[in-house]
Amino acid sequence: MSSPNKFKAVFGVIDAHDHPHGGRILRLRLRRGEALSLGELRGGTFVATDGNGTEIALRPKGFAVFGGKVSDARLARTGRVDIHASDDRVEEIDVGWQVCGPV
């Protein structure tokens, strides 16, 4: 299992929904590290872990705008962001998982 301490940012999954066109919307809250830029999020590869040893690699495809326009300033201020991911096994990721990265 990957150690969260080696990553620039560690997010907790606080909500997860199936996306109507495939993949999953993950609502993330920054737990440790620094707020990433949207470019780092969109271009990065992350590791989602469930605490029991399950790891799933994911790459955000984009951002959901449920709570308003996504920006670097908003992510830095609130520590929250909603991402859309459609990688293999992403449907397994749920509330309580950690998303660490970028790898």
PDB file of N, CA and C in Angstrom:
ATOM      1  N   MET A   1       0.843  -1.182   0.000  1.00  0.00           N
ATOM      2  CA  MET A   1       0.000   0.000   0.000  1.00  0.00           C
ATOM      3  C   MET A   1       0.880   1.235   0.000  1.00  0.00           C
ATOM      4  N   SER A   2       0.512   2.223  -0.767  1.00  0.00           N
ATOM      5  CA  SER A   2       1.274   3.461  -0.867  1.00  0.00           C
ATOM      6  C   SER A   2       1.132   4.283   0.398  1.00  0.00           C
ATOM      7  N   SER A   3       2.212   4.918   0.817  1.00  0.00           N
ATOM      8  CA  SER A   3       2.189   5.776   1.995  1.00  0.00           C
ATOM      9  C   SER A   3       1.687   7.160   1.607  1.00  0.00           C
ATOM     10  N   PRO A   4       0.635   7.674   2.268  1.00  0.00           N
ATOM     11  CA  PRO A   4       0.115   8.997   1.933  1.00  0.00           C
ATOM     12  C   PRO A   4       1.135  10.113   2.152  1.00  0.00           C
ATOM     13  N   ASN A   5       2.154   9.870   2.982  1.00  0.00           N
ATOM     14  CA  ASN A   5       3.133  10.908   3.305  1.00  0.00           C
ATOM     15  C   ASN A   5       4.019  11.288   2.129  1.00  0.00           C
ATOM     16  N   LYS A   6       4.125  10.445   1.107  1.00  0.00           N
ATOM     17  CA  LYS A   6       5.009  10.747  -0.017  1.00  0.00           C
ATOM     18  C   LYS A   6       4.337  11.570  -1.105  1.00  0.00           C
ATOM     19  N   PHE A   7       3.068  11.888  -0.957  1.00  0.00           N
ATOM     20  CA  PHE A   7       2.320  12.614  -1.978  1.00  0.00           C
ATOM     21  C   PHE A   7       2.207  14.101  -1.642  1.00  0.00           C
ATOM     22  N   LYS A   8       2.062  14.907  -2.669  1.00  0.00           N
ATOM     23  CA  LYS A   8       1.927  16.354  -2.508  1.00  0.00           C
ATOM     24  C   LYS A   8       0.610  16.724  -1.825  1.00  0.00           C
ATOM     25  N   ALA A   9      -0.444  15.958  -2.115  1.00  0.00           N
ATOM     26  CA  ALA A   9      -1.760  16.237  -1.540  1.00  0.00           C
ATOM     27  C   ALA A   9      -2.488  14.934  -1.240  1.00  0.00           C
ATOM     28  N   VAL A  10      -3.250  14.942  -0.149  1.00  0.00           N
ATOM     29  CA  VAL A  10      -4.096  13.811   0.212  1.00  0.00           C
ATOM     30  C   VAL A  10      -5.512  14.347   0.406  1.00  0.00           C
ATOM     31  N   PHE A  11      -6.433  13.818  -0.381  1.00  0.00           N
ATOM     32  CA  PHE A  11      -7.834  14.212  -0.313  1.00  0.00           C
ATOM     33  C   PHE A  11      -8.654  13.072   0.273  1.00  0.00           C
ATOM     34  N   GLY A  12      -9.695  13.405   0.989  1.00  0.00           N
ATOM     35  CA  GLY A  12     -10.673  12.423   1.421  1.00  0.00           C
ATOM     36  C   GLY A  12     -11.865  12.481   0.485  1.00  0.00           C
ATOM     37  N   VAL A  13     -12.431  11.331   0.153  1.00  0.00           N
ATOM     38  CA  VAL A  13     -13.640  11.293  -0.676  1.00  0.00           C
ATOM     39  C   VAL A  13     -14.825  11.499   0.265  1.00  0.00           C
ATOM     40  N   ILE A  14     -15.528  12.626   0.101  1.00  0.00           N
ATOM     41  CA  ILE A  14     -16.657  12.925   0.986  1.00  0.00           C
ATOM     42  C   ILE A  14     -18.001  12.643   0.335  1.00  0.00           C
ATOM     43  N   ASP A  15     -17.989  12.362  -0.980  1.00  0.00           N
ATOM     44  CA  ASP A  15     -19.204  11.959  -1.683  1.00  0.00           C
ATOM     45  C   ASP A  15     -18.788  11.356  -3.020  1.00  0.00           C
ATOM     46  N   ALA A  16     -19.578  10.429  -3.525  1.00  0.00           N
ATOM     47  CA  ALA A  16     -19.275   9.770  -4.799  1.00  0.00           C
ATOM     48  C   ALA A  16     -20.586   9.405  -5.492  1.00  0.00           C
ATOM     49  N   HIS A  17     -20.660   9.737  -6.779  1.00  0.00           N
ATOM     50  CA  HIS A  17     -21.865   9.468  -7.577  1.00  0.00           C
ATOM     51  C   HIS A  17     -21.460   8.924  -8.932  1.00  0.00           C
ATOM     52  N   ASP A  18     -22.295   8.069  -9.499  1.00  0.00           N
ATOM     53  CA  ASP A  18     -22.085   7.633 -10.873  1.00  0.00           C
ATOM     54  C   ASP A  18     -22.396   8.800 -11.804  1.00  0.00           C
ATOM     55  N   HIS A  19     -21.558   8.979 -12.806  1.00  0.00           N
ATOM     56  CA  HIS A  19     -21.776  10.024 -13.810  1.00  0.00           C
ATOM     57  C   HIS A  19     -22.725   9.472 -14.861  1.00  0.00           C
ATOM     58  N   PRO A  20     -23.698  10.255 -15.323  1.00  0.00           N
ATOM     59  CA  PRO A  20     -24.674   9.729 -16.282  1.00  0.00           C
ATOM     60  C   PRO A  20     -24.069   9.264 -17.606  1.00  0.00           C
ATOM     61  N   HIS A  21     -22.882   9.745 -17.958  1.00  0.00           N
ATOM     62  CA  HIS A  21     -22.245   9.353 -19.215  1.00  0.00           C
ATOM     63  C   HIS A  21     -21.028   8.463 -18.986  1.00  0.00           C
ATOM     64  N   GLY A  22     -20.976   7.817 -17.850  1.00  0.00           N
ATOM     65  CA  GLY A  22     -19.875   6.911 -17.528  1.00  0.00           C
ATOM     66  C   GLY A  22     -18.901   7.522 -16.543  1.00  0.00           C
ATOM     67  N   GLY A  23     -18.307   6.680 -15.768  1.00  0.00           N
ATOM     68  CA  GLY A  23     -17.345   7.135 -14.781  1.00  0.00           C
ATOM     69  C   GLY A  23     -18.008   7.500 -13.468  1.00  0.00           C
ATOM     70  N   ARG A  24     -17.317   8.315 -12.702  1.00  0.00           N
ATOM     71  CA  ARG A  24     -17.753   8.637 -11.355  1.00  0.00           C
ATOM     72  C   ARG A  24     -17.410  10.088 -11.040  1.00  0.00           C
ATOM     73  N   ILE A  25     -18.300  10.777 -10.335  1.00  0.00           N
ATOM     74  CA  ILE A  25     -18.025  12.102  -9.791  1.00  0.00           C
ATOM     75  C   ILE A  25     -17.584  11.898  -8.348  1.00  0.00           C
ATOM     76  N   LEU A  26     -16.404  12.382  -8.023  1.00  0.00           N
ATOM     77  CA  LEU A  26     -15.864  12.256  -6.670  1.00  0.00           C
ATOM     78  C   LEU A  26     -15.738  13.647  -6.061  1.00  0.00           C
ATOM     79  N   ARG A  27     -16.392  13.858  -4.937  1.00  0.00           N
ATOM     80  CA  ARG A  27     -16.260  15.120  -4.198  1.00  0.00           C
ATOM     81  C   ARG A  27     -15.121  14.933  -3.206  1.00  0.00           C
ATOM     82  N   LEU A  28     -14.089  15.750  -3.356  1.00  0.00           N
ATOM     83  CA  LEU A  28     -12.868  15.595  -2.566  1.00  0.00           C
ATOM     84  C   LEU A  28     -12.678  16.777  -1.621  1.00  0.00           C
ATOM     85  N   ARG A  29     -12.129  16.476  -0.439  1.00  0.00           N
ATOM     86  CA  ARG A  29     -11.748  17.513   0.522  1.00  0.00           C
ATOM     87  C   ARG A  29     -10.283  17.304   0.872  1.00  0.00           C
ATOM     88  N   LEU A  30      -9.505  18.369   0.787  1.00  0.00           N
ATOM     89  CA  LEU A  30      -8.080  18.299   1.099  1.00  0.00           C
ATOM     90  C   LEU A  30      -7.896  17.956   2.572  1.00  0.00           C
ATOM     91  N   ARG A  31      -7.144  16.901   2.837  1.00  0.00           N
ATOM     92  CA  ARG A  31      -6.869  16.470   4.218  1.00  0.00           C
ATOM     93  C   ARG A  31      -5.459  16.838   4.650  1.00  0.00           C
ATOM     94  N   ARG A  32      -4.493  16.642   3.755  1.00  0.00           N
ATOM     95  CA  ARG A  32      -3.088  16.934   4.056  1.00  0.00           C
ATOM     96  C   ARG A  32      -2.399  17.454   2.812  1.00  0.00           C
ATOM     97  N   GLY A  33      -1.351  18.233   3.028  1.00  0.00           N
ATOM     98  CA  GLY A  33      -0.584  18.741   1.895  1.00  0.00           C
ATOM     99  C   GLY A  33      -1.085  20.087   1.455  1.00  0.00           C
ATOM    100  N   GLU A  34      -0.742  20.437   0.232  1.00  0.00           N
ATOM    101  CA  GLU A  34      -1.093  21.747  -0.298  1.00  0.00           C
ATOM    102  C   GLU A  34      -2.159  21.626  -1.381  1.00  0.00           C
ATOM    103  N   ALA A  35      -2.937  22.685  -1.512  1.00  0.00           N
ATOM    104  CA  ALA A  35      -3.956  22.710  -2.563  1.00  0.00           C
ATOM    105  C   ALA A  35      -3.262  22.708  -3.919  1.00  0.00           C
ATOM    106  N   LEU A  36      -3.640  21.786  -4.768  1.00  0.00           N
ATOM    107  CA  LEU A  36      -3.065  21.690  -6.109  1.00  0.00           C
ATOM    108  C   LEU A  36      -3.750  22.687  -7.033  1.00  0.00           C
ATOM    109  N   SER A  37      -3.098  23.005  -8.128  1.00  0.00           N
ATOM    110  CA  SER A  37      -3.753  23.818  -9.156  1.00  0.00           C
ATOM    111  C   SER A  37      -4.674  22.900  -9.956  1.00  0.00           C
ATOM    112  N   LEU A  38      -5.608  23.487 -10.662  1.00  0.00           N
ATOM    113  CA  LEU A  38      -6.504  22.682 -11.495  1.00  0.00           C
ATOM    114  C   LEU A  38      -5.716  21.954 -12.579  1.00  0.00           C
ATOM    115  N   GLY A  39      -4.664  22.568 -13.088  1.00  0.00           N
ATOM    116  CA  GLY A  39      -3.807  21.923 -14.090  1.00  0.00           C
ATOM    117  C   GLY A  39      -3.123  20.685 -13.522  1.00  0.00           C
ATOM    118  N   GLU A  40      -2.655  20.772 -12.271  1.00  0.00           N
ATOM    119  CA  GLU A  40      -2.035  19.612 -11.634  1.00  0.00           C
ATOM    120  C   GLU A  40      -3.051  18.494 -11.427  1.00  0.00           C
ATOM    121  N   LEU A  41      -4.277  18.871 -11.066  1.00  0.00           N
ATOM    122  CA  LEU A  41      -5.326  17.865 -10.892  1.00  0.00           C
ATOM    123  C   LEU A  41      -5.683  17.201 -12.220  1.00  0.00           C
ATOM    124  N   ARG A  42      -5.939  18.018 -13.234  1.00  0.00           N
ATOM    125  CA  ARG A  42      -6.380  17.479 -14.518  1.00  0.00           C
ATOM    126  C   ARG A  42      -5.287  16.645 -15.187  1.00  0.00           C
ATOM    127  N   GLY A  43      -4.032  17.062 -15.049  1.00  0.00           N
ATOM    128  CA  GLY A  43      -2.948  16.366 -15.728  1.00  0.00           C
ATOM    129  C   GLY A  43      -2.281  15.280 -14.911  1.00  0.00           C
ATOM    130  N   GLY A  44      -2.702  15.115 -13.671  1.00  0.00           N
ATOM    131  CA  GLY A  44      -2.018  14.175 -12.787  1.00  0.00           C
ATOM    132  C   GLY A  44      -2.647  12.796 -12.737  1.00  0.00           C
ATOM    133  N   THR A  45      -1.856  11.865 -12.253  1.00  0.00           N
ATOM    134  CA  THR A  45      -2.345  10.519 -11.951  1.00  0.00           C
ATOM    135  C   THR A  45      -2.381  10.393 -10.440  1.00  0.00           C
ATOM    136  N   PHE A  46      -3.465   9.874  -9.918  1.00  0.00           N
ATOM    137  CA  PHE A  46      -3.679   9.774  -8.480  1.00  0.00           C
ATOM    138  C   PHE A  46      -3.934   8.325  -8.090  1.00  0.00           C
ATOM    139  N   VAL A  47      -3.774   8.037  -6.811  1.00  0.00           N
ATOM    140  CA  VAL A  47      -4.021   6.704  -6.287  1.00  0.00           C
ATOM    141  C   VAL A  47      -5.125   6.813  -5.248  1.00  0.00           C
ATOM    142  N   ALA A  48      -6.208   6.080  -5.450  1.00  0.00           N
ATOM    143  CA  ALA A  48      -7.300   6.022  -4.482  1.00  0.00           C
ATOM    144  C   ALA A  48      -7.126   4.761  -3.649  1.00  0.00           C
ATOM    145  N   THR A  49      -7.214   4.900  -2.327  1.00  0.00           N
ATOM    146  CA  THR A  49      -7.063   3.752  -1.423  1.00  0.00           C
ATOM    147  C   THR A  49      -8.248   3.693  -0.471  1.00  0.00           C
ATOM    148  N   ASP A  50      -8.606   2.473  -0.095  1.00  0.00           N
ATOM    149  CA  ASP A  50      -9.759   2.306   0.796  1.00  0.00           C
ATOM    150  C   ASP A  50      -9.382   2.006   2.238  1.00  0.00           C
ATOM    151  N   GLY A  51      -8.102   1.905   2.551  1.00  0.00           N
ATOM    152  CA  GLY A  51      -7.693   1.611   3.917  1.00  0.00           C
ATOM    153  C   GLY A  51      -7.512   0.127   4.190  1.00  0.00           C
ATOM    154  N   ASN A  52      -8.003  -0.727   3.296  1.00  0.00           N
ATOM    155  CA  ASN A  52      -7.865  -2.175   3.451  1.00  0.00           C
ATOM    156  C   ASN A  52      -6.875  -2.758   2.455  1.00  0.00           C
ATOM    157  N   GLY A  53      -6.118  -1.902   1.792  1.00  0.00           N
ATOM    158  CA  GLY A  53      -5.122  -2.372   0.842  1.00  0.00           C
ATOM    159  C   GLY A  53      -5.526  -2.261  -0.616  1.00  0.00           C
ATOM    160  N   THR A  54      -6.757  -1.924  -0.903  1.00  0.00           N
ATOM    161  CA  THR A  54      -7.205  -1.769  -2.286  1.00  0.00           C
ATOM    162  C   THR A  54      -6.716  -0.430  -2.825  1.00  0.00           C
ATOM    163  N   GLU A  55      -6.080  -0.451  -3.981  1.00  0.00           N
ATOM    164  CA  GLU A  55      -5.601   0.765  -4.631  1.00  0.00           C
ATOM    165  C   GLU A  55      -6.110   0.810  -6.068  1.00  0.00           C
ATOM    166  N   ILE A  56      -6.555   1.978  -6.485  1.00  0.00           N
ATOM    167  CA  ILE A  56      -7.047   2.184  -7.837  1.00  0.00           C
ATOM    168  C   ILE A  56      -6.398   3.460  -8.375  1.00  0.00           C
ATOM    169  N   ALA A  57      -5.750   3.359  -9.525  1.00  0.00           N
ATOM    170  CA  ALA A  57      -5.165   4.537 -10.170  1.00  0.00           C
ATOM    171  C   ALA A  57      -6.260   5.274 -10.923  1.00  0.00           C
ATOM    172  N   LEU A  58      -6.219   6.609 -10.861  1.00  0.00           N
ATOM    173  CA  LEU A  58      -7.202   7.391 -11.598  1.00  0.00           C
ATOM    174  C   LEU A  58      -6.590   8.686 -12.106  1.00  0.00           C
ATOM    175  N   ARG A  59      -7.169   9.166 -13.213  1.00  0.00           N
ATOM    176  CA  ARG A  59      -6.787  10.446 -13.815  1.00  0.00           C
ATOM    177  C   ARG A  59      -8.064  11.260 -14.007  1.00  0.00           C
ATOM    178  N   PRO A  60      -8.174  12.407 -13.350  1.00  0.00           N
ATOM    179  CA  PRO A  60      -9.365  13.238 -13.533  1.00  0.00           C
ATOM    180  C   PRO A  60      -9.523  13.662 -14.998  1.00  0.00           C
ATOM    181  N   LYS A  61     -10.754  13.520 -15.520  1.00  0.00           N
ATOM    182  CA  LYS A  61     -11.075  13.953 -16.884  1.00  0.00           C
ATOM    183  C   LYS A  61     -11.504  15.405 -16.908  1.00  0.00           C
ATOM    184  N   GLY A  62     -12.081  15.841 -15.818  1.00  0.00           N
ATOM    185  CA  GLY A  62     -12.608  17.201 -15.748  1.00  0.00           C
ATOM    186  C   GLY A  62     -13.193  17.449 -14.374  1.00  0.00           C
ATOM    187  N   PHE A  63     -13.960  18.530 -14.270  1.00  0.00           N
ATOM    188  CA  PHE A  63     -14.497  18.960 -12.991  1.00  0.00           C
ATOM    189  C   PHE A  63     -16.001  19.139 -13.078  1.00  0.00           C
ATOM    190  N   ALA A  64     -16.690  18.755 -12.022  1.00  0.00           N
ATOM    191  CA  ALA A  64     -18.126  19.001 -11.927  1.00  0.00           C
ATOM    192  C   ALA A  64     -18.314  20.384 -11.308  1.00  0.00           C
ATOM    193  N   VAL A  65     -19.361  21.077 -11.700  1.00  0.00           N
ATOM    194  CA  VAL A  65     -19.584  22.441 -11.220  1.00  0.00           C
ATOM    195  C   VAL A  65     -20.872  22.548 -10.396  1.00  0.00           C
ATOM    196  N   PHE A  66     -21.146  21.536  -9.581  1.00  0.00           N
ATOM    197  CA  PHE A  66     -22.359  21.547  -8.757  1.00  0.00           C
ATOM    198  C   PHE A  66     -22.423  22.781  -7.854  1.00  0.00           C
ATOM    199  N   GLY A  67     -21.298  23.143  -7.240  1.00  0.00           N
ATOM    200  CA  GLY A  67     -21.286  24.237  -6.277  1.00  0.00           C
ATOM    201  C   GLY A  67     -20.800  25.549  -6.840  1.00  0.00           C
ATOM    202  N   GLY A  68     -20.643  25.642  -8.144  1.00  0.00           N
ATOM    203  CA  GLY A  68     -20.166  26.872  -8.762  1.00  0.00           C
ATOM    204  C   GLY A  68     -18.916  26.626  -9.584  1.00  0.00           C
ATOM    205  N   LYS A  69     -18.436  27.671 -10.215  1.00  0.00           N
ATOM    206  CA  LYS A  69     -17.274  27.582 -11.093  1.00  0.00           C
ATOM    207  C   LYS A  69     -16.031  27.152 -10.321  1.00  0.00           C
ATOM    208  N   VAL A  70     -15.317  26.208 -10.890  1.00  0.00           N
ATOM    209  CA  VAL A  70     -14.100  25.689 -10.279  1.00  0.00           C
ATOM    210  C   VAL A  70     -12.939  26.621 -10.627  1.00  0.00           C
ATOM    211  N   SER A  71     -12.106  26.944  -9.625  1.00  0.00           N
ATOM    212  CA  SER A  71     -10.931  27.779  -9.858  1.00  0.00           C
ATOM    213  C   SER A  71      -9.838  27.404  -8.868  1.00  0.00           C
ATOM    214  N   ASP A  72      -8.610  27.790  -9.203  1.00  0.00           N
ATOM    215  CA  ASP A  72      -7.492  27.553  -8.291  1.00  0.00           C
ATOM    216  C   ASP A  72      -7.736  28.254  -6.951  1.00  0.00           C
ATOM    217  N   ALA A  73      -8.231  29.484  -7.005  1.00  0.00           N
ATOM    218  CA  ALA A  73      -8.481  30.257  -5.786  1.00  0.00           C
ATOM    219  C   ALA A  73      -9.532  29.582  -4.906  1.00  0.00           C
ATOM    220  N   ARG A  74     -10.579  29.086  -5.533  1.00  0.00           N
ATOM    221  CA  ARG A  74     -11.629  28.420  -4.764  1.00  0.00           C
ATOM    222  C   ARG A  74     -11.113  27.143  -4.118  1.00  0.00           C
ATOM    223  N   LEU A  75     -10.336  26.357  -4.853  1.00  0.00           N
ATOM    224  CA  LEU A  75      -9.767  25.132  -4.289  1.00  0.00           C
ATOM    225  C   LEU A  75      -8.835  25.469  -3.128  1.00  0.00           C
ATOM    226  N   ALA A  76      -8.007  26.509  -3.267  1.00  0.00           N
ATOM    227  CA  ALA A  76      -7.098  26.916  -2.191  1.00  0.00           C
ATOM    228  C   ALA A  76      -7.877  27.402  -0.969  1.00  0.00           C
ATOM    229  N   ARG A  77      -8.979  28.110  -1.196  1.00  0.00           N
ATOM    230  CA  ARG A  77      -9.772  28.670  -0.101  1.00  0.00           C
ATOM    231  C   ARG A  77     -10.592  27.612   0.634  1.00  0.00           C
ATOM    232  N   THR A  78     -11.256  26.724  -0.117  1.00  0.00           N
ATOM    233  CA  THR A  78     -12.179  25.766   0.504  1.00  0.00           C
ATOM    234  C   THR A  78     -11.573  24.391   0.721  1.00  0.00           C
ATOM    235  N   GLY A  79     -10.568  24.035  -0.088  1.00  0.00           N
ATOM    236  CA  GLY A  79      -9.989  22.694  -0.002  1.00  0.00           C
ATOM    237  C   GLY A  79     -10.891  21.620  -0.596  1.00  0.00           C
ATOM    238  N   ARG A  80     -11.920  22.036  -1.343  1.00  0.00           N
ATOM    239  CA  ARG A  80     -12.863  21.074  -1.918  1.00  0.00           C
ATOM    240  C   ARG A  80     -12.926  21.212  -3.430  1.00  0.00           C
ATOM    241  N   VAL A  81     -13.099  20.053  -4.084  1.00  0.00           N
ATOM    242  CA  VAL A  81     -13.228  20.029  -5.537  1.00  0.00           C
ATOM    243  C   VAL A  81     -13.971  18.759  -5.932  1.00  0.00           C
ATOM    244  N   ASP A  82     -14.761  18.851  -7.001  1.00  0.00           N
ATOM    245  CA  ASP A  82     -15.481  17.697  -7.544  1.00  0.00           C
ATOM    246  C   ASP A  82     -14.829  17.326  -8.867  1.00  0.00           C
ATOM    247  N   ILE A  83     -14.357  16.080  -8.961  1.00  0.00           N
ATOM    248  CA  ILE A  83     -13.703  15.636 -10.193  1.00  0.00           C
ATOM    249  C   ILE A  83     -14.529  14.546 -10.868  1.00  0.00           C
ATOM    250  N   HIS A  84     -14.347  14.437 -12.177  1.00  0.00           N
ATOM    251  CA  HIS A  84     -14.962  13.360 -12.959  1.00  0.00           C
ATOM    252  C   HIS A  84     -13.831  12.432 -13.391  1.00  0.00           C
ATOM    253  N   ALA A  85     -13.943  11.157 -13.059  1.00  0.00           N
ATOM    254  CA  ALA A  85     -12.946  10.160 -13.444  1.00  0.00           C
ATOM    255  C   ALA A  85     -13.671   8.973 -14.062  1.00  0.00           C
ATOM    256  N   SER A  86     -13.044   8.350 -15.071  1.00  0.00           N
ATOM    257  CA  SER A  86     -13.693   7.217 -15.733  1.00  0.00           C
ATOM    258  C   SER A  86     -12.731   6.056 -15.943  1.00  0.00           C
ATOM    259  N   ASP A  87     -11.726   5.947 -15.107  1.00  0.00           N
ATOM    260  CA  ASP A  87     -10.739   4.883 -15.230  1.00  0.00           C
ATOM    261  C   ASP A  87     -11.330   3.530 -14.850  1.00  0.00           C
ATOM    262  N   ASP A  88     -10.568   2.468 -15.127  1.00  0.00           N
ATOM    263  CA  ASP A  88     -10.982   1.122 -14.729  1.00  0.00           C
ATOM    264  C   ASP A  88     -11.204   1.072 -13.223  1.00  0.00           C
ATOM    265  N   ARG A  89     -12.254   0.421 -12.820  1.00  0.00           N
ATOM    266  CA  ARG A  89     -12.579   0.175 -11.409  1.00  0.00           C
ATOM    267  C   ARG A  89     -12.948   1.434 -10.630  1.00  0.00           C
ATOM    268  N   VAL A  90     -13.073   2.586 -11.274  1.00  0.00           N
ATOM    269  CA  VAL A  90     -13.380   3.825 -10.552  1.00  0.00           C
ATOM    270  C   VAL A  90     -14.742   3.735  -9.850  1.00  0.00           C
ATOM    271  N   GLU A  91     -15.633   2.873 -10.347  1.00  0.00           N
ATOM    272  CA  GLU A  91     -16.956   2.729  -9.719  1.00  0.00           C
ATOM    273  C   GLU A  91     -16.860   2.138  -8.309  1.00  0.00           C
ATOM    274  N   GLU A  92     -15.725   1.551  -7.951  1.00  0.00           N
ATOM    275  CA  GLU A  92     -15.521   1.002  -6.609  1.00  0.00           C
ATOM    276  C   GLU A  92     -15.225   2.087  -5.572  1.00  0.00           C
ATOM    277  N   ILE A  93     -14.739   3.240  -6.015  1.00  0.00           N
ATOM    278  CA  ILE A  93     -14.351   4.311  -5.088  1.00  0.00           C
ATOM    279  C   ILE A  93     -15.607   4.904  -4.465  1.00  0.00           C
ATOM    280  N   ASP A  94     -15.575   5.055  -3.139  1.00  0.00           N
ATOM    281  CA  ASP A  94     -16.755   5.518  -2.426  1.00  0.00           C
ATOM    282  C   ASP A  94     -16.338   6.427  -1.269  1.00  0.00           C
ATOM    283  N   VAL A  95     -17.317   6.901  -0.526  1.00  0.00           N
ATOM    284  CA  VAL A  95     -17.077   7.746   0.636  1.00  0.00           C
ATOM    285  C   VAL A  95     -16.132   7.038   1.606  1.00  0.00           C
ATOM    286  N   GLY A  96     -15.169   7.786   2.132  1.00  0.00           N
ATOM    287  CA  GLY A  96     -14.212   7.231   3.084  1.00  0.00           C
ATOM    288  C   GLY A  96     -12.881   6.857   2.471  1.00  0.00           C
ATOM    289  N   TRP A  97     -12.805   6.772   1.161  1.00  0.00           N
ATOM    290  CA  TRP A  97     -11.538   6.479   0.503  1.00  0.00           C
ATOM    291  C   TRP A  97     -10.640   7.718   0.556  1.00  0.00           C
ATOM    292  N   GLN A  98      -9.347   7.522   0.299  1.00  0.00           N
ATOM    293  CA  GLN A  98      -8.389   8.621   0.158  1.00  0.00           C
ATOM    294  C   GLN A  98      -7.921   8.669  -1.293  1.00  0.00           C
ATOM    295  N   VAL A  99      -7.707   9.872  -1.789  1.00  0.00           N
ATOM    296  CA  VAL A  99      -7.129  10.069  -3.111  1.00  0.00           C
ATOM    297  C   VAL A  99      -5.833  10.845  -2.910  1.00  0.00           C
ATOM    298  N   CYS A 100      -4.725  10.229  -3.265  1.00  0.00           N
ATOM    299  CA  CYS A 100      -3.390  10.798  -3.026  1.00  0.00           C
ATOM    300  C   CYS A 100      -2.682  11.056  -4.348  1.00  0.00           C
ATOM    301  N   GLY A 101      -1.903  12.125  -4.384  1.00  0.00           N
ATOM    302  CA  GLY A 101      -1.139  12.369  -5.592  1.00  0.00           C
ATOM    303  C   GLY A 101      -0.628  13.777  -5.680  1.00  0.00           C
ATOM    304  N   PRO A 102      -0.177  14.167  -6.807  1.00  0.00           N
ATOM    305  CA  PRO A 102      -0.020  13.340  -7.997  1.00  0.00           C
ATOM    306  C   PRO A 102       1.143  12.374  -7.840  1.00  0.00           C
ATOM    307  N   VAL A 103       1.043  11.263  -8.613  1.00  0.00           N
ATOM    308  CA  VAL A 103       2.062  10.217  -8.561  1.00  0.00           C
ATOM    309  C   VAL A 103       3.254  10.655  -9.355  1.00  0.00           C
TER     310      VAL A 103
END
